[in-house]
Amino acid sequence: AIYRGEAAPGEDATARAARFQGVVF
């Protein structure tokens, strides 16, 4: 996965899903 912005400390799966931009494969 590629995400928008920087990850916050202790980020969980829900927060990652909100920043989800797409996937490389």
PDBML (XML) file of the C-alpha atoms, coordinates in Angstrom:
<?xml version="1.0" encoding="UTF-8" ?>
<PDBx:datablock datablockName="MODEL"
   xmlns:PDBx="http://pdbml.pdb.org/schema/pdbx-v50.xsd"
   xmlns:xsi="http://www.w3.org/2001/XMLSchema-instance"
   xsi:schemaLocation="http://pdbml.pdb.org/schema/pdbx-v50.xsd pdbx-v50.xsd">
   <PDBx:atom_siteCategory>
      <PDBx:atom_site id="1">
         <PDBx:B_iso_or_equiv>0.00</PDBx:B_iso_or_equiv>
         <PDBx:Cartn_x>0.000</PDBx:Cartn_x>
         <PDBx:Cartn_y>0.000</PDBx:Cartn_y>
         <PDBx:Cartn_z>0.000</PDBx:Cartn_z>
         <PDBx:auth_asym_id>A</PDBx:auth_asym_id>
         <PDBx:auth_atom_id>CA</PDBx:auth_atom_id>
         <PDBx:auth_comp_id>ALA</PDBx:auth_comp_id>
         <PDBx:auth_seq_id>1</PDBx:auth_seq_id>
         <PDBx:group_PDB>ATOM</PDBx:group_PDB>
         <PDBx:label_alt_id xsi:nil="true" />
         <PDBx:label_asym_id>A</PDBx:label_asym_id>
         <PDBx:label_atom_id>CA</PDBx:label_atom_id>
         <PDBx:label_comp_id>ALA</PDBx:label_comp_id>
         <PDBx:label_entity_id>1</PDBx:label_entity_id>
         <PDBx:label_seq_id>1</PDBx:label_seq_id>
         <PDBx:occupancy>1.00</PDBx:occupancy>
         <PDBx:pdbx_PDB_model_num>1</PDBx:pdbx_PDB_model_num>
         <PDBx:type_symbol>C</PDBx:type_symbol>
      </PDBx:atom_site>
      <PDBx:atom_site id="2">
         <PDBx:B_iso_or_equiv>0.00</PDBx:B_iso_or_equiv>
         <PDBx:Cartn_x>0.844</PDBx:Cartn_x>
         <PDBx:Cartn_y>3.662</PDBx:Cartn_y>
         <PDBx:Cartn_z>-0.596</PDBx:Cartn_z>
         <PDBx:auth_asym_id>A</PDBx:auth_asym_id>
         <PDBx:auth_atom_id>CA</PDBx:auth_atom_id>
         <PDBx:auth_comp_id>ILE</PDBx:auth_comp_id>
         <PDBx:auth_seq_id>2</PDBx:auth_seq_id>
         <PDBx:group_PDB>ATOM</PDBx:group_PDB>
         <PDBx:label_alt_id xsi:nil="true" />
         <PDBx:label_asym_id>A</PDBx:label_asym_id>
         <PDBx:label_atom_id>CA</PDBx:label_atom_id>
         <PDBx:label_comp_id>ILE</PDBx:label_comp_id>
         <PDBx:label_entity_id>1</PDBx:label_entity_id>
         <PDBx:label_seq_id>2</PDBx:label_seq_id>
         <PDBx:occupancy>1.00</PDBx:occupancy>
         <PDBx:pdbx_PDB_model_num>1</PDBx:pdbx_PDB_model_num>
         <PDBx:type_symbol>C</PDBx:type_symbol>
      </PDBx:atom_site>
      <PDBx:atom_site id="3">
         <PDBx:B_iso_or_equiv>0.00</PDBx:B_iso_or_equiv>
         <PDBx:Cartn_x>-0.582</PDBx:Cartn_x>
         <PDBx:Cartn_y>6.257</PDBx:Cartn_y>
         <PDBx:Cartn_z>1.805</PDBx:Cartn_z>
         <PDBx:auth_asym_id>A</PDBx:auth_asym_id>
         <PDBx:auth_atom_id>CA</PDBx:auth_atom_id>
         <PDBx:auth_comp_id>TYR</PDBx:auth_comp_id>
         <PDBx:auth_seq_id>3</PDBx:auth_seq_id>
         <PDBx:group_PDB>ATOM</PDBx:group_PDB>
         <PDBx:label_alt_id xsi:nil="true" />
         <PDBx:label_asym_id>A</PDBx:label_asym_id>
         <PDBx:label_atom_id>CA</PDBx:label_atom_id>
         <PDBx:label_comp_id>TYR</PDBx:label_comp_id>
         <PDBx:label_entity_id>1</PDBx:label_entity_id>
         <PDBx:label_seq_id>3</PDBx:label_seq_id>
         <PDBx:occupancy>1.00</PDBx:occupancy>
         <PDBx:pdbx_PDB_model_num>1</PDBx:pdbx_PDB_model_num>
         <PDBx:type_symbol>C</PDBx:type_symbol>
      </PDBx:atom_site>
      <PDBx:atom_site id="4">
         <PDBx:B_iso_or_equiv>0.00</PDBx:B_iso_or_equiv>
         <PDBx:Cartn_x>-1.071</PDBx:Cartn_x>
         <PDBx:Cartn_y>10.016</PDBx:Cartn_y>
         <PDBx:Cartn_z>1.662</PDBx:Cartn_z>
         <PDBx:auth_asym_id>A</PDBx:auth_asym_id>
         <PDBx:auth_atom_id>CA</PDBx:auth_atom_id>
         <PDBx:auth_comp_id>ARG</PDBx:auth_comp_id>
         <PDBx:auth_seq_id>4</PDBx:auth_seq_id>
         <PDBx:group_PDB>ATOM</PDBx:group_PDB>
         <PDBx:label_alt_id xsi:nil="true" />
         <PDBx:label_asym_id>A</PDBx:label_asym_id>
         <PDBx:label_atom_id>CA</PDBx:label_atom_id>
         <PDBx:label_comp_id>ARG</PDBx:label_comp_id>
         <PDBx:label_entity_id>1</PDBx:label_entity_id>
         <PDBx:label_seq_id>4</PDBx:label_seq_id>
         <PDBx:occupancy>1.00</PDBx:occupancy>
         <PDBx:pdbx_PDB_model_num>1</PDBx:pdbx_PDB_model_num>
         <PDBx:type_symbol>C</PDBx:type_symbol>
      </PDBx:atom_site>
      <PDBx:atom_site id="5">
         <PDBx:B_iso_or_equiv>0.00</PDBx:B_iso_or_equiv>
         <PDBx:Cartn_x>0.925</PDBx:Cartn_x>
         <PDBx:Cartn_y>12.053</PDBx:Cartn_y>
         <PDBx:Cartn_z>4.156</PDBx:Cartn_z>
         <PDBx:auth_asym_id>A</PDBx:auth_asym_id>
         <PDBx:auth_atom_id>CA</PDBx:auth_atom_id>
         <PDBx:auth_comp_id>GLY</PDBx:auth_comp_id>
         <PDBx:auth_seq_id>5</PDBx:auth_seq_id>
         <PDBx:group_PDB>ATOM</PDBx:group_PDB>
         <PDBx:label_alt_id xsi:nil="true" />
         <PDBx:label_asym_id>A</PDBx:label_asym_id>
         <PDBx:label_atom_id>CA</PDBx:label_atom_id>
         <PDBx:label_comp_id>GLY</PDBx:label_comp_id>
         <PDBx:label_entity_id>1</PDBx:label_entity_id>
         <PDBx:label_seq_id>5</PDBx:label_seq_id>
         <PDBx:occupancy>1.00</PDBx:occupancy>
         <PDBx:pdbx_PDB_model_num>1</PDBx:pdbx_PDB_model_num>
         <PDBx:type_symbol>C</PDBx:type_symbol>
      </PDBx:atom_site>
      <PDBx:atom_site id="6">
         <PDBx:B_iso_or_equiv>0.00</PDBx:B_iso_or_equiv>
         <PDBx:Cartn_x>2.925</PDBx:Cartn_x>
         <PDBx:Cartn_y>10.815</PDBx:Cartn_y>
         <PDBx:Cartn_z>7.101</PDBx:Cartn_z>
         <PDBx:auth_asym_id>A</PDBx:auth_asym_id>
         <PDBx:auth_atom_id>CA</PDBx:auth_atom_id>
         <PDBx:auth_comp_id>GLU</PDBx:auth_comp_id>
         <PDBx:auth_seq_id>6</PDBx:auth_seq_id>
         <PDBx:group_PDB>ATOM</PDBx:group_PDB>
         <PDBx:label_alt_id xsi:nil="true" />
         <PDBx:label_asym_id>A</PDBx:label_asym_id>
         <PDBx:label_atom_id>CA</PDBx:label_atom_id>
         <PDBx:label_comp_id>GLU</PDBx:label_comp_id>
         <PDBx:label_entity_id>1</PDBx:label_entity_id>
         <PDBx:label_seq_id>6</PDBx:label_seq_id>
         <PDBx:occupancy>1.00</PDBx:occupancy>
         <PDBx:pdbx_PDB_model_num>1</PDBx:pdbx_PDB_model_num>
         <PDBx:type_symbol>C</PDBx:type_symbol>
      </PDBx:atom_site>
      <PDBx:atom_site id="7">
         <PDBx:B_iso_or_equiv>0.00</PDBx:B_iso_or_equiv>
         <PDBx:Cartn_x>1.852</PDBx:Cartn_x>
         <PDBx:Cartn_y>8.159</PDBx:Cartn_y>
         <PDBx:Cartn_z>9.588</PDBx:Cartn_z>
         <PDBx:auth_asym_id>A</PDBx:auth_asym_id>
         <PDBx:auth_atom_id>CA</PDBx:auth_atom_id>
         <PDBx:auth_comp_id>ALA</PDBx:auth_comp_id>
         <PDBx:auth_seq_id>7</PDBx:auth_seq_id>
         <PDBx:group_PDB>ATOM</PDBx:group_PDB>
         <PDBx:label_alt_id xsi:nil="true" />
         <PDBx:label_asym_id>A</PDBx:label_asym_id>
         <PDBx:label_atom_id>CA</PDBx:label_atom_id>
         <PDBx:label_comp_id>ALA</PDBx:label_comp_id>
         <PDBx:label_entity_id>1</PDBx:label_entity_id>
         <PDBx:label_seq_id>7</PDBx:label_seq_id>
         <PDBx:occupancy>1.00</PDBx:occupancy>
         <PDBx:pdbx_PDB_model_num>1</PDBx:pdbx_PDB_model_num>
         <PDBx:type_symbol>C</PDBx:type_symbol>
      </PDBx:atom_site>
      <PDBx:atom_site id="8">
         <PDBx:B_iso_or_equiv>0.00</PDBx:B_iso_or_equiv>
         <PDBx:Cartn_x>0.929</PDBx:Cartn_x>
         <PDBx:Cartn_y>9.328</PDBx:Cartn_y>
         <PDBx:Cartn_z>13.068</PDBx:Cartn_z>
         <PDBx:auth_asym_id>A</PDBx:auth_asym_id>
         <PDBx:auth_atom_id>CA</PDBx:auth_atom_id>
         <PDBx:auth_comp_id>ALA</PDBx:auth_comp_id>
         <PDBx:auth_seq_id>8</PDBx:auth_seq_id>
         <PDBx:group_PDB>ATOM</PDBx:group_PDB>
         <PDBx:label_alt_id xsi:nil="true" />
         <PDBx:label_asym_id>A</PDBx:label_asym_id>
         <PDBx:label_atom_id>CA</PDBx:label_atom_id>
         <PDBx:label_comp_id>ALA</PDBx:label_comp_id>
         <PDBx:label_entity_id>1</PDBx:label_entity_id>
         <PDBx:label_seq_id>8</PDBx:label_seq_id>
         <PDBx:occupancy>1.00</PDBx:occupancy>
         <PDBx:pdbx_PDB_model_num>1</PDBx:pdbx_PDB_model_num>
         <PDBx:type_symbol>C</PDBx:type_symbol>
      </PDBx:atom_site>
      <PDBx:atom_site id="9">
         <PDBx:B_iso_or_equiv>0.00</PDBx:B_iso_or_equiv>
         <PDBx:Cartn_x>2.586</PDBx:Cartn_x>
         <PDBx:Cartn_y>7.612</PDBx:Cartn_y>
         <PDBx:Cartn_z>16.071</PDBx:Cartn_z>
         <PDBx:auth_asym_id>A</PDBx:auth_asym_id>
         <PDBx:auth_atom_id>CA</PDBx:auth_atom_id>
         <PDBx:auth_comp_id>PRO</PDBx:auth_comp_id>
         <PDBx:auth_seq_id>9</PDBx:auth_seq_id>
         <PDBx:group_PDB>ATOM</PDBx:group_PDB>
         <PDBx:label_alt_id xsi:nil="true" />
         <PDBx:label_asym_id>A</PDBx:label_asym_id>
         <PDBx:label_atom_id>CA</PDBx:label_atom_id>
         <PDBx:label_comp_id>PRO</PDBx:label_comp_id>
         <PDBx:label_entity_id>1</PDBx:label_entity_id>
         <PDBx:label_seq_id>9</PDBx:label_seq_id>
         <PDBx:occupancy>1.00</PDBx:occupancy>
         <PDBx:pdbx_PDB_model_num>1</PDBx:pdbx_PDB_model_num>
         <PDBx:type_symbol>C</PDBx:type_symbol>
      </PDBx:atom_site>
      <PDBx:atom_site id="10">
         <PDBx:B_iso_or_equiv>0.00</PDBx:B_iso_or_equiv>
         <PDBx:Cartn_x>0.710</PDBx:Cartn_x>
         <PDBx:Cartn_y>4.449</PDBx:Cartn_y>
         <PDBx:Cartn_z>16.971</PDBx:Cartn_z>
         <PDBx:auth_asym_id>A</PDBx:auth_asym_id>
         <PDBx:auth_atom_id>CA</PDBx:auth_atom_id>
         <PDBx:auth_comp_id>GLY</PDBx:auth_comp_id>
         <PDBx:auth_seq_id>10</PDBx:auth_seq_id>
         <PDBx:group_PDB>ATOM</PDBx:group_PDB>
         <PDBx:label_alt_id xsi:nil="true" />
         <PDBx:label_asym_id>A</PDBx:label_asym_id>
         <PDBx:label_atom_id>CA</PDBx:label_atom_id>
         <PDBx:label_comp_id>GLY</PDBx:label_comp_id>
         <PDBx:label_entity_id>1</PDBx:label_entity_id>
         <PDBx:label_seq_id>10</PDBx:label_seq_id>
         <PDBx:occupancy>1.00</PDBx:occupancy>
         <PDBx:pdbx_PDB_model_num>1</PDBx:pdbx_PDB_model_num>
         <PDBx:type_symbol>C</PDBx:type_symbol>
      </PDBx:atom_site>
      <PDBx:atom_site id="11">
         <PDBx:B_iso_or_equiv>0.00</PDBx:B_iso_or_equiv>
         <PDBx:Cartn_x>-1.430</PDBx:Cartn_x>
         <PDBx:Cartn_y>4.568</PDBx:Cartn_y>
         <PDBx:Cartn_z>13.822</PDBx:Cartn_z>
         <PDBx:auth_asym_id>A</PDBx:auth_asym_id>
         <PDBx:auth_atom_id>CA</PDBx:auth_atom_id>
         <PDBx:auth_comp_id>GLU</PDBx:auth_comp_id>
         <PDBx:auth_seq_id>11</PDBx:auth_seq_id>
         <PDBx:group_PDB>ATOM</PDBx:group_PDB>
         <PDBx:label_alt_id xsi:nil="true" />
         <PDBx:label_asym_id>A</PDBx:label_asym_id>
         <PDBx:label_atom_id>CA</PDBx:label_atom_id>
         <PDBx:label_comp_id>GLU</PDBx:label_comp_id>
         <PDBx:label_entity_id>1</PDBx:label_entity_id>
         <PDBx:label_seq_id>11</PDBx:label_seq_id>
         <PDBx:occupancy>1.00</PDBx:occupancy>
         <PDBx:pdbx_PDB_model_num>1</PDBx:pdbx_PDB_model_num>
         <PDBx:type_symbol>C</PDBx:type_symbol>
      </PDBx:atom_site>
      <PDBx:atom_site id="12">
         <PDBx:B_iso_or_equiv>0.00</PDBx:B_iso_or_equiv>
         <PDBx:Cartn_x>-3.922</PDBx:Cartn_x>
         <PDBx:Cartn_y>1.702</PDBx:Cartn_y>
         <PDBx:Cartn_z>13.540</PDBx:Cartn_z>
         <PDBx:auth_asym_id>A</PDBx:auth_asym_id>
         <PDBx:auth_atom_id>CA</PDBx:auth_atom_id>
         <PDBx:auth_comp_id>ASP</PDBx:auth_comp_id>
         <PDBx:auth_seq_id>12</PDBx:auth_seq_id>
         <PDBx:group_PDB>ATOM</PDBx:group_PDB>
         <PDBx:label_alt_id xsi:nil="true" />
         <PDBx:label_asym_id>A</PDBx:label_asym_id>
         <PDBx:label_atom_id>CA</PDBx:label_atom_id>
         <PDBx:label_comp_id>ASP</PDBx:label_comp_id>
         <PDBx:label_entity_id>1</PDBx:label_entity_id>
         <PDBx:label_seq_id>12</PDBx:label_seq_id>
         <PDBx:occupancy>1.00</PDBx:occupancy>
         <PDBx:pdbx_PDB_model_num>1</PDBx:pdbx_PDB_model_num>
         <PDBx:type_symbol>C</PDBx:type_symbol>
      </PDBx:atom_site>
      <PDBx:atom_site id="13">
         <PDBx:B_iso_or_equiv>0.00</PDBx:B_iso_or_equiv>
         <PDBx:Cartn_x>-5.542</PDBx:Cartn_x>
         <PDBx:Cartn_y>-0.010</PDBx:Cartn_y>
         <PDBx:Cartn_z>10.572</PDBx:Cartn_z>
         <PDBx:auth_asym_id>A</PDBx:auth_asym_id>
         <PDBx:auth_atom_id>CA</PDBx:auth_atom_id>
         <PDBx:auth_comp_id>ALA</PDBx:auth_comp_id>
         <PDBx:auth_seq_id>13</PDBx:auth_seq_id>
         <PDBx:group_PDB>ATOM</PDBx:group_PDB>
         <PDBx:label_alt_id xsi:nil="true" />
         <PDBx:label_asym_id>A</PDBx:label_asym_id>
         <PDBx:label_atom_id>CA</PDBx:label_atom_id>
         <PDBx:label_comp_id>ALA</PDBx:label_comp_id>
         <PDBx:label_entity_id>1</PDBx:label_entity_id>
         <PDBx:label_seq_id>13</PDBx:label_seq_id>
         <PDBx:occupancy>1.00</PDBx:occupancy>
         <PDBx:pdbx_PDB_model_num>1</PDBx:pdbx_PDB_model_num>
         <PDBx:type_symbol>C</PDBx:type_symbol>
      </PDBx:atom_site>
      <PDBx:atom_site id="14">
         <PDBx:B_iso_or_equiv>0.00</PDBx:B_iso_or_equiv>
         <PDBx:Cartn_x>-8.522</PDBx:Cartn_x>
         <PDBx:Cartn_y>2.370</PDBx:Cartn_y>
         <PDBx:Cartn_z>10.536</PDBx:Cartn_z>
         <PDBx:auth_asym_id>A</PDBx:auth_asym_id>
         <PDBx:auth_atom_id>CA</PDBx:auth_atom_id>
         <PDBx:auth_comp_id>THR</PDBx:auth_comp_id>
         <PDBx:auth_seq_id>14</PDBx:auth_seq_id>
         <PDBx:group_PDB>ATOM</PDBx:group_PDB>
         <PDBx:label_alt_id xsi:nil="true" />
         <PDBx:label_asym_id>A</PDBx:label_asym_id>
         <PDBx:label_atom_id>CA</PDBx:label_atom_id>
         <PDBx:label_comp_id>THR</PDBx:label_comp_id>
         <PDBx:label_entity_id>1</PDBx:label_entity_id>
         <PDBx:label_seq_id>14</PDBx:label_seq_id>
         <PDBx:occupancy>1.00</PDBx:occupancy>
         <PDBx:pdbx_PDB_model_num>1</PDBx:pdbx_PDB_model_num>
         <PDBx:type_symbol>C</PDBx:type_symbol>
      </PDBx:atom_site>
      <PDBx:atom_site id="15">
         <PDBx:B_iso_or_equiv>0.00</PDBx:B_iso_or_equiv>
         <PDBx:Cartn_x>-6.261</PDBx:Cartn_x>
         <PDBx:Cartn_y>5.418</PDBx:Cartn_y>
         <PDBx:Cartn_z>10.327</PDBx:Cartn_z>
         <PDBx:auth_asym_id>A</PDBx:auth_asym_id>
         <PDBx:auth_atom_id>CA</PDBx:auth_atom_id>
         <PDBx:auth_comp_id>ALA</PDBx:auth_comp_id>
         <PDBx:auth_seq_id>15</PDBx:auth_seq_id>
         <PDBx:group_PDB>ATOM</PDBx:group_PDB>
         <PDBx:label_alt_id xsi:nil="true" />
         <PDBx:label_asym_id>A</PDBx:label_asym_id>
         <PDBx:label_atom_id>CA</PDBx:label_atom_id>
         <PDBx:label_comp_id>ALA</PDBx:label_comp_id>
         <PDBx:label_entity_id>1</PDBx:label_entity_id>
         <PDBx:label_seq_id>15</PDBx:label_seq_id>
         <PDBx:occupancy>1.00</PDBx:occupancy>
         <PDBx:pdbx_PDB_model_num>1</PDBx:pdbx_PDB_model_num>
         <PDBx:type_symbol>C</PDBx:type_symbol>
      </PDBx:atom_site>
      <PDBx:atom_site id="16">
         <PDBx:B_iso_or_equiv>0.00</PDBx:B_iso_or_equiv>
         <PDBx:Cartn_x>-4.241</PDBx:Cartn_x>
         <PDBx:Cartn_y>3.789</PDBx:Cartn_y>
         <PDBx:Cartn_z>7.572</PDBx:Cartn_z>
         <PDBx:auth_asym_id>A</PDBx:auth_asym_id>
         <PDBx:auth_atom_id>CA</PDBx:auth_atom_id>
         <PDBx:auth_comp_id>ARG</PDBx:auth_comp_id>
         <PDBx:auth_seq_id>16</PDBx:auth_seq_id>
         <PDBx:group_PDB>ATOM</PDBx:group_PDB>
         <PDBx:label_alt_id xsi:nil="true" />
         <PDBx:label_asym_id>A</PDBx:label_asym_id>
         <PDBx:label_atom_id>CA</PDBx:label_atom_id>
         <PDBx:label_comp_id>ARG</PDBx:label_comp_id>
         <PDBx:label_entity_id>1</PDBx:label_entity_id>
         <PDBx:label_seq_id>16</PDBx:label_seq_id>
         <PDBx:occupancy>1.00</PDBx:occupancy>
         <PDBx:pdbx_PDB_model_num>1</PDBx:pdbx_PDB_model_num>
         <PDBx:type_symbol>C</PDBx:type_symbol>
      </PDBx:atom_site>
      <PDBx:atom_site id="17">
         <PDBx:B_iso_or_equiv>0.00</PDBx:B_iso_or_equiv>
         <PDBx:Cartn_x>-7.406</PDBx:Cartn_x>
         <PDBx:Cartn_y>3.073</PDBx:Cartn_y>
         <PDBx:Cartn_z>5.589</PDBx:Cartn_z>
         <PDBx:auth_asym_id>A</PDBx:auth_asym_id>
         <PDBx:auth_atom_id>CA</PDBx:auth_atom_id>
         <PDBx:auth_comp_id>ALA</PDBx:auth_comp_id>
         <PDBx:auth_seq_id>17</PDBx:auth_seq_id>
         <PDBx:group_PDB>ATOM</PDBx:group_PDB>
         <PDBx:label_alt_id xsi:nil="true" />
         <PDBx:label_asym_id>A</PDBx:label_asym_id>
         <PDBx:label_atom_id>CA</PDBx:label_atom_id>
         <PDBx:label_comp_id>ALA</PDBx:label_comp_id>
         <PDBx:label_entity_id>1</PDBx:label_entity_id>
         <PDBx:label_seq_id>17</PDBx:label_seq_id>
         <PDBx:occupancy>1.00</PDBx:occupancy>
         <PDBx:pdbx_PDB_model_num>1</PDBx:pdbx_PDB_model_num>
         <PDBx:type_symbol>C</PDBx:type_symbol>
      </PDBx:atom_site>
      <PDBx:atom_site id="18">
         <PDBx:B_iso_or_equiv>0.00</PDBx:B_iso_or_equiv>
         <PDBx:Cartn_x>-8.310</PDBx:Cartn_x>
         <PDBx:Cartn_y>6.774</PDBx:Cartn_y>
         <PDBx:Cartn_z>5.734</PDBx:Cartn_z>
         <PDBx:auth_asym_id>A</PDBx:auth_asym_id>
         <PDBx:auth_atom_id>CA</PDBx:auth_atom_id>
         <PDBx:auth_comp_id>ALA</PDBx:auth_comp_id>
         <PDBx:auth_seq_id>18</PDBx:auth_seq_id>
         <PDBx:group_PDB>ATOM</PDBx:group_PDB>
         <PDBx:label_alt_id xsi:nil="true" />
         <PDBx:label_asym_id>A</PDBx:label_asym_id>
         <PDBx:label_atom_id>CA</PDBx:label_atom_id>
         <PDBx:label_comp_id>ALA</PDBx:label_comp_id>
         <PDBx:label_entity_id>1</PDBx:label_entity_id>
         <PDBx:label_seq_id>18</PDBx:label_seq_id>
         <PDBx:occupancy>1.00</PDBx:occupancy>
         <PDBx:pdbx_PDB_model_num>1</PDBx:pdbx_PDB_model_num>
         <PDBx:type_symbol>C</PDBx:type_symbol>
      </PDBx:atom_site>
      <PDBx:atom_site id="19">
         <PDBx:B_iso_or_equiv>0.00</PDBx:B_iso_or_equiv>
         <PDBx:Cartn_x>-4.919</PDBx:Cartn_x>
         <PDBx:Cartn_y>7.721</PDBx:Cartn_y>
         <PDBx:Cartn_z>4.234</PDBx:Cartn_z>
         <PDBx:auth_asym_id>A</PDBx:auth_asym_id>
         <PDBx:auth_atom_id>CA</PDBx:auth_atom_id>
         <PDBx:auth_comp_id>ARG</PDBx:auth_comp_id>
         <PDBx:auth_seq_id>19</PDBx:auth_seq_id>
         <PDBx:group_PDB>ATOM</PDBx:group_PDB>
         <PDBx:label_alt_id xsi:nil="true" />
         <PDBx:label_asym_id>A</PDBx:label_asym_id>
         <PDBx:label_atom_id>CA</PDBx:label_atom_id>
         <PDBx:label_comp_id>ARG</PDBx:label_comp_id>
         <PDBx:label_entity_id>1</PDBx:label_entity_id>
         <PDBx:label_seq_id>19</PDBx:label_seq_id>
         <PDBx:occupancy>1.00</PDBx:occupancy>
         <PDBx:pdbx_PDB_model_num>1</PDBx:pdbx_PDB_model_num>
         <PDBx:type_symbol>C</PDBx:type_symbol>
      </PDBx:atom_site>
      <PDBx:atom_site id="20">
         <PDBx:B_iso_or_equiv>0.00</PDBx:B_iso_or_equiv>
         <PDBx:Cartn_x>-4.918</PDBx:Cartn_x>
         <PDBx:Cartn_y>4.871</PDBx:Cartn_y>
         <PDBx:Cartn_z>1.714</PDBx:Cartn_z>
         <PDBx:auth_asym_id>A</PDBx:auth_asym_id>
         <PDBx:auth_atom_id>CA</PDBx:auth_atom_id>
         <PDBx:auth_comp_id>PHE</PDBx:auth_comp_id>
         <PDBx:auth_seq_id>20</PDBx:auth_seq_id>
         <PDBx:group_PDB>ATOM</PDBx:group_PDB>
         <PDBx:label_alt_id xsi:nil="true" />
         <PDBx:label_asym_id>A</PDBx:label_asym_id>
         <PDBx:label_atom_id>CA</PDBx:label_atom_id>
         <PDBx:label_comp_id>PHE</PDBx:label_comp_id>
         <PDBx:label_entity_id>1</PDBx:label_entity_id>
         <PDBx:label_seq_id>20</PDBx:label_seq_id>
         <PDBx:occupancy>1.00</PDBx:occupancy>
         <PDBx:pdbx_PDB_model_num>1</PDBx:pdbx_PDB_model_num>
         <PDBx:type_symbol>C</PDBx:type_symbol>
      </PDBx:atom_site>
      <PDBx:atom_site id="21">
         <PDBx:B_iso_or_equiv>0.00</PDBx:B_iso_or_equiv>
         <PDBx:Cartn_x>-3.989</PDBx:Cartn_x>
         <PDBx:Cartn_y>6.111</PDBx:Cartn_y>
         <PDBx:Cartn_z>-1.773</PDBx:Cartn_z>
         <PDBx:auth_asym_id>A</PDBx:auth_asym_id>
         <PDBx:auth_atom_id>CA</PDBx:auth_atom_id>
         <PDBx:auth_comp_id>GLN</PDBx:auth_comp_id>
         <PDBx:auth_seq_id>21</PDBx:auth_seq_id>
         <PDBx:group_PDB>ATOM</PDBx:group_PDB>
         <PDBx:label_alt_id xsi:nil="true" />
         <PDBx:label_asym_id>A</PDBx:label_asym_id>
         <PDBx:label_atom_id>CA</PDBx:label_atom_id>
         <PDBx:label_comp_id>GLN</PDBx:label_comp_id>
         <PDBx:label_entity_id>1</PDBx:label_entity_id>
         <PDBx:label_seq_id>21</PDBx:label_seq_id>
         <PDBx:occupancy>1.00</PDBx:occupancy>
         <PDBx:pdbx_PDB_model_num>1</PDBx:pdbx_PDB_model_num>
         <PDBx:type_symbol>C</PDBx:type_symbol>
      </PDBx:atom_site>
      <PDBx:atom_site id="22">
         <PDBx:B_iso_or_equiv>0.00</PDBx:B_iso_or_equiv>
         <PDBx:Cartn_x>-3.426</PDBx:Cartn_x>
         <PDBx:Cartn_y>2.923</PDBx:Cartn_y>
         <PDBx:Cartn_z>-3.750</PDBx:Cartn_z>
         <PDBx:auth_asym_id>A</PDBx:auth_asym_id>
         <PDBx:auth_atom_id>CA</PDBx:auth_atom_id>
         <PDBx:auth_comp_id>GLY</PDBx:auth_comp_id>
         <PDBx:auth_seq_id>22</PDBx:auth_seq_id>
         <PDBx:group_PDB>ATOM</PDBx:group_PDB>
         <PDBx:label_alt_id xsi:nil="true" />
         <PDBx:label_asym_id>A</PDBx:label_asym_id>
         <PDBx:label_atom_id>CA</PDBx:label_atom_id>
         <PDBx:label_comp_id>GLY</PDBx:label_comp_id>
         <PDBx:label_entity_id>1</PDBx:label_entity_id>
         <PDBx:label_seq_id>22</PDBx:label_seq_id>
         <PDBx:occupancy>1.00</PDBx:occupancy>
         <PDBx:pdbx_PDB_model_num>1</PDBx:pdbx_PDB_model_num>
         <PDBx:type_symbol>C</PDBx:type_symbol>
      </PDBx:atom_site>
      <PDBx:atom_site id="23">
         <PDBx:B_iso_or_equiv>0.00</PDBx:B_iso_or_equiv>
         <PDBx:Cartn_x>-1.147</PDBx:Cartn_x>
         <PDBx:Cartn_y>-0.082</PDBx:Cartn_y>
         <PDBx:Cartn_z>-4.160</PDBx:Cartn_z>
         <PDBx:auth_asym_id>A</PDBx:auth_asym_id>
         <PDBx:auth_atom_id>CA</PDBx:auth_atom_id>
         <PDBx:auth_comp_id>VAL</PDBx:auth_comp_id>
         <PDBx:auth_seq_id>23</PDBx:auth_seq_id>
         <PDBx:group_PDB>ATOM</PDBx:group_PDB>
         <PDBx:label_alt_id xsi:nil="true" />
         <PDBx:label_asym_id>A</PDBx:label_asym_id>
         <PDBx:label_atom_id>CA</PDBx:label_atom_id>
         <PDBx:label_comp_id>VAL</PDBx:label_comp_id>
         <PDBx:label_entity_id>1</PDBx:label_entity_id>
         <PDBx:label_seq_id>23</PDBx:label_seq_id>
         <PDBx:occupancy>1.00</PDBx:occupancy>
         <PDBx:pdbx_PDB_model_num>1</PDBx:pdbx_PDB_model_num>
         <PDBx:type_symbol>C</PDBx:type_symbol>
      </PDBx:atom_site>
      <PDBx:atom_site id="24">
         <PDBx:B_iso_or_equiv>0.00</PDBx:B_iso_or_equiv>
         <PDBx:Cartn_x>1.961</PDBx:Cartn_x>
         <PDBx:Cartn_y>-0.953</PDBx:Cartn_y>
         <PDBx:Cartn_z>-6.107</PDBx:Cartn_z>
         <PDBx:auth_asym_id>A</PDBx:auth_asym_id>
         <PDBx:auth_atom_id>CA</PDBx:auth_atom_id>
         <PDBx:auth_comp_id>VAL</PDBx:auth_comp_id>
         <PDBx:auth_seq_id>24</PDBx:auth_seq_id>
         <PDBx:group_PDB>ATOM</PDBx:group_PDB>
         <PDBx:label_alt_id xsi:nil="true" />
         <PDBx:label_asym_id>A</PDBx:label_asym_id>
         <PDBx:label_atom_id>CA</PDBx:label_atom_id>
         <PDBx:label_comp_id>VAL</PDBx:label_comp_id>
         <PDBx:label_entity_id>1</PDBx:label_entity_id>
         <PDBx:label_seq_id>24</PDBx:label_seq_id>
         <PDBx:occupancy>1.00</PDBx:occupancy>
         <PDBx:pdbx_PDB_model_num>1</PDBx:pdbx_PDB_model_num>
         <PDBx:type_symbol>C</PDBx:type_symbol>
      </PDBx:atom_site>
      <PDBx:atom_site id="25">
         <PDBx:B_iso_or_equiv>0.00</PDBx:B_iso_or_equiv>
         <PDBx:Cartn_x>2.328</PDBx:Cartn_x>
         <PDBx:Cartn_y>-4.553</PDBx:Cartn_y>
         <PDBx:Cartn_z>-7.217</PDBx:Cartn_z>
         <PDBx:auth_asym_id>A</PDBx:auth_asym_id>
         <PDBx:auth_atom_id>CA</PDBx:auth_atom_id>
         <PDBx:auth_comp_id>PHE</PDBx:auth_comp_id>
         <PDBx:auth_seq_id>25</PDBx:auth_seq_id>
         <PDBx:group_PDB>ATOM</PDBx:group_PDB>
         <PDBx:label_alt_id xsi:nil="true" />
         <PDBx:label_asym_id>A</PDBx:label_asym_id>
         <PDBx:label_atom_id>CA</PDBx:label_atom_id>
         <PDBx:label_comp_id>PHE</PDBx:label_comp_id>
         <PDBx:label_entity_id>1</PDBx:label_entity_id>
         <PDBx:label_seq_id>25</PDBx:label_seq_id>
         <PDBx:occupancy>1.00</PDBx:occupancy>
         <PDBx:pdbx_PDB_model_num>1</PDBx:pdbx_PDB_model_num>
         <PDBx:type_symbol>C</PDBx:type_symbol>
      </PDBx:atom_site>
   </PDBx:atom_siteCategory>
</PDBx:datablock>
